Amino acid sequence: LSAAGFELKLADTPEKLAHLKTMGQRRLFPISRDGDMVFIYADAQGCKCIYVGSQQNYQEYQRLAIQQKVVDEQHMTAEENRMAAETNAQMTWDVWGLWPGPVVY
């Protein structure tokens, strides 16, 4: 959220903390404020804070989330390939006996 430009606001008074606890927790949701759409992420348990962002911040958050998903998938694929290569290198396939030949139709 911070990387997308959302502003962190601490619940630094009992009133703010009480209000924070009434919000949907740990998910982004839109609200209308003074005629503008803003996005809020509330966390009463963790940081005792809210993150507040504009439509532009939300779009940047979505872009970053997609970018992170791609990176995560690339890491997962690389790890799967590494594990497969290690397994292949460690296996003595001859212990399994004969392998069927290619299927000819």
Protein backbone atom coordinates (compact mmCIF):
# COMPACT_ATOMS: atom_id res chain seq x y z
CA LEU A 1 0.00 0.00 0.00
CA SER A 2 2.77 2.42 0.87
CA ALA A 3 4.54 1.65 -2.40
CA ALA A 4 1.34 2.54 -4.24
CA GLY A 5 1.17 5.92 -2.49
CA PHE A 6 -1.39 5.14 0.21
CA GLU A 7 -1.05 7.33 3.29
CA LEU A 8 -0.71 5.68 6.71
CA LYS A 9 -2.85 7.16 9.49
CA LEU A 10 -2.38 5.81 13.02
CA ALA A 11 -5.27 5.29 15.40
CA ASP A 12 -3.45 7.31 18.06
CA THR A 13 -6.48 8.22 20.18
CA PRO A 14 -9.12 6.02 21.84
CA GLU A 15 -11.76 7.55 19.54
CA LYS A 16 -9.80 6.71 16.38
CA LEU A 17 -9.15 3.16 17.60
CA ALA A 18 -12.85 2.65 18.43
CA HIS A 19 -13.83 3.89 14.96
CA LEU A 20 -11.12 1.76 13.33
CA LYS A 21 -12.60 -1.35 14.93
CA THR A 22 -15.98 -0.67 13.27
CA MET A 23 -14.46 -0.81 9.77
CA GLY A 24 -14.05 -3.85 7.56
CA GLN A 25 -10.68 -5.26 8.52
CA ARG A 26 -7.64 -6.07 6.39
CA ARG A 27 -9.24 -5.52 2.99
CA LEU A 28 -9.42 -2.56 0.65
CA PHE A 29 -12.80 -0.94 0.28
CA PRO A 30 -14.01 2.25 -1.38
CA ILE A 31 -15.79 5.06 0.41
CA SER A 32 -17.09 8.40 -0.77
CA ARG A 33 -15.59 11.35 1.08
CA ASP A 34 -16.40 14.95 0.20
CA GLY A 35 -17.58 13.83 -3.23
CA ASP A 36 -14.38 11.91 -4.01
CA MET A 37 -13.84 8.15 -4.04
CA VAL A 38 -11.11 7.07 -1.64
CA PHE A 39 -9.90 3.62 -0.71
CA ILE A 40 -9.38 2.50 2.87
CA TYR A 41 -7.49 -0.44 4.36
CA ALA A 42 -8.10 -0.84 8.10
CA ASP A 43 -6.00 -2.95 10.48
CA ALA A 44 -7.12 -2.69 14.12
CA GLN A 45 -5.13 -5.74 15.25
CA GLY A 46 -1.78 -5.25 13.50
CA CYS A 47 -0.66 -1.69 12.98
CA LYS A 48 -3.72 -0.07 14.58
CA CYS A 49 -3.91 2.12 11.53
CA ILE A 50 -5.66 2.82 8.27
CA TYR A 51 -4.18 3.34 4.86
CA VAL A 52 -5.98 5.91 2.72
CA GLY A 53 -5.54 6.29 -1.01
CA SER A 54 -7.05 7.83 -4.11
CA GLN A 55 -8.35 6.09 -7.22
CA GLN A 56 -4.88 6.61 -8.72
CA ASN A 57 -3.25 4.97 -5.67
CA TYR A 58 -5.67 2.05 -5.97
CA GLN A 59 -4.82 1.58 -9.66
CA GLU A 60 -1.11 1.63 -8.80
CA TYR A 61 -1.76 -0.93 -6.04
CA GLN A 62 -3.47 -3.21 -8.56
CA ARG A 63 -0.57 -2.80 -11.01
CA LEU A 64 1.94 -3.65 -8.29
CA ALA A 65 -0.14 -6.65 -7.18
CA ILE A 66 -0.15 -8.05 -10.73
CA GLN A 67 3.57 -7.41 -11.03
CA GLN A 68 4.17 -9.23 -7.72
CA LYS A 69 2.03 -12.16 -8.85
CA VAL A 70 4.15 -12.53 -12.00
CA VAL A 71 7.35 -12.44 -9.94
CA ASP A 72 5.94 -15.02 -7.49
CA GLU A 73 4.96 -17.31 -10.37
CA GLN A 74 8.42 -16.97 -11.90
CA HIS A 75 10.02 -17.88 -8.57
CA MET A 76 7.70 -20.85 -8.15
CA THR A 77 8.48 -22.11 -11.66
CA ALA A 78 12.22 -21.70 -11.08
CA GLU A 79 11.96 -23.62 -7.79
CA GLU A 80 9.93 -26.41 -9.42
CA ASN A 81 12.51 -26.66 -12.22
CA ARG A 82 15.35 -26.77 -9.70
CA MET A 83 13.64 -29.50 -7.68
CA ALA A 84 12.88 -31.51 -10.83
CA ALA A 85 16.50 -31.24 -11.95
CA GLU A 86 17.74 -32.38 -8.53
CA THR A 87 15.28 -35.28 -8.49
CA ASN A 88 16.30 -36.30 -12.00
CA ALA A 89 19.99 -36.15 -11.09
CA GLN A 90 19.48 -38.20 -7.93
CA MET A 91 17.28 -40.91 -9.43
CA THR A 92 18.77 -44.12 -10.68
CA TRP A 93 16.03 -44.92 -13.13
CA ASP A 94 17.43 -48.39 -13.90
CA VAL A 95 16.08 -49.73 -10.60
CA TRP A 96 12.60 -49.55 -12.13
CA GLY A 97 13.34 -52.12 -14.78
CA LEU A 98 12.11 -51.91 -18.33
CA TRP A 99 10.18 -48.89 -19.49
CA PRO A 100 7.44 -49.16 -22.07
CA GLY A 101 8.42 -47.97 -25.49
CA PRO A 102 6.60 -45.26 -27.37
CA VAL A 103 3.01 -46.07 -28.18
CA VAL A 104 2.62 -46.70 -31.93
CA TYR A 105 -0.84 -46.53 -33.40
